[in-house]
Structures are given as structure tokens and as C-alpha cells.
Amino acid sequence: MAGRRGPGRRGGTVRAGSRLLTVAWLVGWVAGLEAQGTPAPGLLVLSDQARRVLALHYRPHPTELMGCLIGAITGDTVRVDRIAPADVDPVHSTPTHVLPKQTCEEAGWGQTVGAIHSHPAGERCWYFFPGTRVLSSDGQSFVRSPYAIDALLCGQRVVWINREMVERSLDVEPSP
């Protein structure tokens, strides 16, 4: 199954040896956060502009789209003020895959706290295969990314993950 690779990724499949390195890196990264007393984000807050971008630009497209989550992290809260477009060549955006040409920072977007991409059919909206702790291609991409969070837009729902590998979701349209 072809999966999304994180911003600026040019690689292909993950081999067994690199999985061990990835897991070792992730464990070390989380341990480093805990040693510094830096909590992994547990709350995602979308501004009105970010919600409008999700509602207007992502839903009607038959191919995956990618954006840069611009905002700030305060304590365990990620505040997304806006979603900027990732630099994606149209030929690298299909119904099941998206690959940016460069990272969000290389594209000129400072204060990037994460990346988001859409799953147009609203399917496979998870970072772990259901009932397991086996990472999907989206989970593997996140582990290799430099960001605090990663998000998937699946219809009216945003599924996101933090560096503690805790998956959460929220509705794009807030409840009345």
C-alpha cells in the first residue's frame, strides 16, 4: 500500500533494520522530552481560519492534499492559527498518496507545529492498524518527521497524533 511520506521525505519503504532505529529514536526522543519536563501535546485547538481552510479546500478534492499547521505549543496545547499549503506538485497528489517537494520551513512557513493531509475517501484514518500497535504508513511518516503533531483530515473529522504516540480526534465543525 502506498502511503504518505512526511514533509521533505524522498525515501521509499521502511526496512526491518530501520524500524528498529526508528523505534529506538522515538523512545529516546520521548525520554528526552520527559527528562526536560516538556509534555507532549494533549489538546489541539483549531482557529476559525484553520477550520474554514479544512472545510473549503480539503473536502471537495479527489486527491490527497497536504498543509502545514502554523501556530504554537503552550504546555500540552497545540494552537493552530492557520493552515498553509504545502509545496506539492500535482502529479505527486493521488487519492492515496501525497509527497511534498520540500518541508514547510523550506517553503517559507515558520512556526510550523505539524502537518496535515487529507484522506479523500475518509478511509484508513489511523496511525496504528486497528487493534494493534503496528504503525501505518502515516504513523511511520510521523515518526520520521520533526513536528510535535501530525493530522489526517477524514471528512468532518481530524485524527491527530502526538509524540507520545497517542491518537486523538476532533470534529472540524464544532458542536453547537
Protein backbone atom coordinates (compact mmCIF):
# COMPACT_ATOMS: atom_id res chain seq x y z
CA MET A 1 0.00 0.00 0.00
CA ALA A 2 1.46 3.36 -0.98
CA GLY A 3 1.48 5.77 1.92
CA ARG A 4 2.27 9.37 2.53
CA ARG A 5 5.77 10.28 3.43
CA GLY A 6 6.41 13.22 5.73
CA PRO A 7 7.36 16.71 4.55
CA GLY A 8 10.58 16.69 2.58
CA ARG A 9 10.82 12.89 2.51
CA ARG A 10 12.27 11.38 -0.62
CA GLY A 11 12.68 7.80 0.60
CA GLY A 12 10.82 4.63 -0.15
CA THR A 13 9.85 1.74 2.05
CA VAL A 14 11.00 1.20 5.62
CA ARG A 15 13.22 -1.84 6.10
CA ALA A 16 13.26 -4.01 9.23
CA GLY A 17 16.62 -2.61 10.41
CA SER A 18 15.47 0.97 10.06
CA ARG A 19 12.31 0.14 12.00
CA LEU A 20 14.49 -0.73 14.98
CA LEU A 21 16.36 2.54 14.58
CA THR A 22 13.08 4.43 14.26
CA VAL A 23 11.68 2.83 17.42
CA ALA A 24 14.97 3.45 19.27
CA TRP A 25 14.97 7.08 18.09
CA LEU A 26 11.33 7.56 19.14
CA VAL A 27 11.91 6.05 22.59
CA GLY A 28 14.94 8.30 23.04
CA TRP A 29 13.03 11.34 21.81
CA VAL A 30 10.13 10.75 24.22
CA ALA A 31 12.56 10.05 27.07
CA GLY A 32 14.31 13.32 26.27
CA LEU A 33 11.01 15.18 26.46
CA GLU A 34 10.19 13.57 29.79
CA ALA A 35 13.64 14.45 31.15
CA GLN A 36 13.13 18.08 30.09
CA GLY A 37 9.66 18.13 31.62
CA THR A 38 8.17 19.00 28.22
CA PRO A 39 4.69 17.48 27.97
CA ALA A 40 3.55 16.01 24.68
CA PRO A 41 0.55 17.93 23.35
CA GLY A 42 -2.75 16.53 24.55
CA LEU A 43 -5.11 19.16 23.16
CA LEU A 44 -5.50 20.50 19.63
CA VAL A 45 -7.26 23.84 19.13
CA LEU A 46 -8.16 24.98 15.59
CA SER A 47 -8.75 28.66 14.87
CA ASP A 48 -11.75 29.71 12.78
CA GLN A 49 -9.41 30.27 9.79
CA ALA A 50 -7.96 26.77 10.13
CA ARG A 51 -11.47 25.27 10.25
CA ARG A 52 -12.51 27.26 7.16
CA VAL A 53 -9.47 26.03 5.24
CA LEU A 54 -10.31 22.45 6.14
CA ALA A 55 -13.97 22.88 5.19
CA LEU A 56 -13.38 24.73 1.91
CA HIS A 57 -10.16 23.39 0.48
CA TYR A 58 -9.82 19.78 1.51
CA ARG A 59 -13.24 18.10 1.27
CA PRO A 60 -14.06 18.57 -2.43
CA HIS A 61 -10.77 17.21 -3.80
CA PRO A 62 -10.50 13.63 -5.08
CA THR A 63 -6.76 13.51 -4.30
CA GLU A 64 -4.82 13.85 -1.07
CA LEU A 65 -3.85 17.40 -0.16
CA MET A 66 -1.28 18.49 2.39
CA GLY A 67 -0.92 21.55 4.58
CA CYS A 68 1.40 22.99 7.19
CA LEU A 69 -0.11 23.59 10.65
CA ILE A 70 1.08 27.05 11.71
CA GLY A 71 0.72 28.02 15.35
CA ALA A 72 2.22 27.50 18.77
CA ILE A 73 2.52 24.97 21.57
CA THR A 74 1.82 26.11 25.10
CA GLY A 75 2.05 23.40 27.75
CA ASP A 76 0.05 20.46 26.46
CA THR A 77 -1.99 22.52 23.98
CA VAL A 78 -1.29 22.92 20.28
CA ARG A 79 -2.99 26.02 18.87
CA VAL A 80 -3.26 26.02 15.07
CA ASP A 81 -3.77 29.59 13.89
CA ARG A 82 -3.73 28.80 10.19
CA ILE A 83 -3.10 26.07 7.69
CA ALA A 84 -0.68 26.97 4.93
CA PRO A 85 -0.42 24.99 1.70
CA ALA A 86 2.45 22.53 1.44
CA ASP A 87 4.56 22.69 -1.72
CA VAL A 88 3.14 19.71 -3.64
CA ASP A 89 3.48 19.06 -7.35
CA PRO A 90 0.02 17.96 -8.62
CA VAL A 91 1.48 14.74 -10.07
CA HIS A 92 2.52 13.81 -6.51
CA SER A 93 -1.02 14.02 -5.14
CA THR A 94 -3.18 10.94 -5.77
CA PRO A 95 -6.24 9.53 -3.98
CA THR A 96 -3.95 7.55 -1.64
CA HIS A 97 -0.62 9.40 -1.57
CA VAL A 98 0.85 12.88 -1.30
CA LEU A 99 4.51 13.89 -1.41
CA PRO A 100 5.66 17.49 -0.88
CA LYS A 101 8.61 18.93 -2.78
CA GLN A 102 10.08 20.46 0.38
CA THR A 103 9.44 20.88 4.09
CA CYS A 104 7.07 23.51 5.42
CA GLU A 105 10.03 25.58 6.64
CA GLU A 106 11.80 25.33 3.27
CA ALA A 107 8.55 26.59 1.69
CA GLY A 108 8.73 29.67 3.93
CA TRP A 109 6.28 28.68 6.67
CA GLY A 110 7.72 29.48 10.09
CA GLN A 111 6.14 28.39 13.37
CA THR A 112 5.09 25.04 11.92
CA VAL A 113 3.81 22.74 14.68
CA GLY A 114 2.71 19.89 12.42
CA ALA A 115 1.47 18.72 9.07
CA ILE A 116 -1.96 17.64 7.91
CA HIS A 117 -3.10 15.73 4.87
CA SER A 118 -6.45 14.52 3.70
CA HIS A 119 -7.82 11.04 3.11
CA PRO A 120 -10.41 11.92 0.46
CA ALA A 121 -12.49 8.76 0.89
CA GLY A 122 -12.39 9.07 4.69
CA GLU A 123 -10.79 5.63 4.94
CA ARG A 124 -7.74 4.34 6.84
CA CYS A 125 -7.84 7.28 9.24
CA TRP A 126 -5.45 5.87 11.80
CA TYR A 127 -1.79 5.88 12.75
CA PHE A 128 -1.86 2.30 14.07
CA PHE A 129 -3.59 -0.59 12.34
CA PRO A 130 -6.85 -1.25 14.26
CA GLY A 131 -6.42 -3.40 17.36
CA THR A 132 -2.61 -3.28 17.15
CA ARG A 133 0.37 -1.06 17.93
CA VAL A 134 1.68 -1.58 14.38
CA LEU A 135 2.29 1.76 12.67
CA SER A 136 0.53 2.52 9.40
CA SER A 137 2.44 4.39 6.68
CA ASP A 138 1.05 7.62 8.18
CA GLY A 139 2.39 6.63 11.60
CA GLN A 140 5.78 5.78 10.13
CA SER A 141 5.92 9.15 8.35
CA PHE A 142 5.10 10.97 11.59
CA VAL A 143 7.86 9.16 13.50
CA ARG A 144 10.36 10.43 10.90
CA SER A 145 9.02 14.00 10.90
CA PRO A 146 10.34 16.84 13.07
CA TYR A 147 6.91 18.03 14.22
CA ALA A 148 5.10 17.77 17.55
CA ILE A 149 1.89 16.52 15.90
CA ASP A 150 0.56 15.12 12.65
CA ALA A 151 -3.05 15.16 11.48
CA LEU A 152 -5.33 13.42 9.00
CA LEU A 153 -8.46 15.06 7.64
CA CYS A 154 -11.15 12.43 7.15
CA GLY A 155 -14.42 14.05 6.14
CA GLN A 156 -15.59 16.19 9.06
CA ARG A 157 -13.08 14.64 11.49
CA VAL A 158 -9.43 15.40 12.17
CA VAL A 159 -7.46 12.47 13.56
CA TRP A 160 -4.14 13.52 15.07
CA ILE A 161 -1.21 12.08 16.96
CA ASN A 162 1.43 13.46 19.32
CA ARG A 163 4.98 12.39 20.19
CA GLU A 164 3.74 10.11 22.97
CA MET A 165 2.04 8.27 20.08
CA VAL A 166 -1.41 8.99 21.48
CA GLU A 167 -4.03 9.24 18.75
CA ARG A 168 -6.99 11.60 19.20
CA SER A 169 -9.72 13.11 17.04
CA LEU A 170 -11.90 16.19 16.87
CA ASP A 171 -14.69 17.42 14.62
CA VAL A 172 -13.89 20.10 12.05
CA GLU A 173 -17.23 21.75 12.70
CA PRO A 174 -17.57 22.42 16.43
CA SER A 175 -20.71 21.13 18.11
CA PRO A 176 -23.42 23.82 18.51
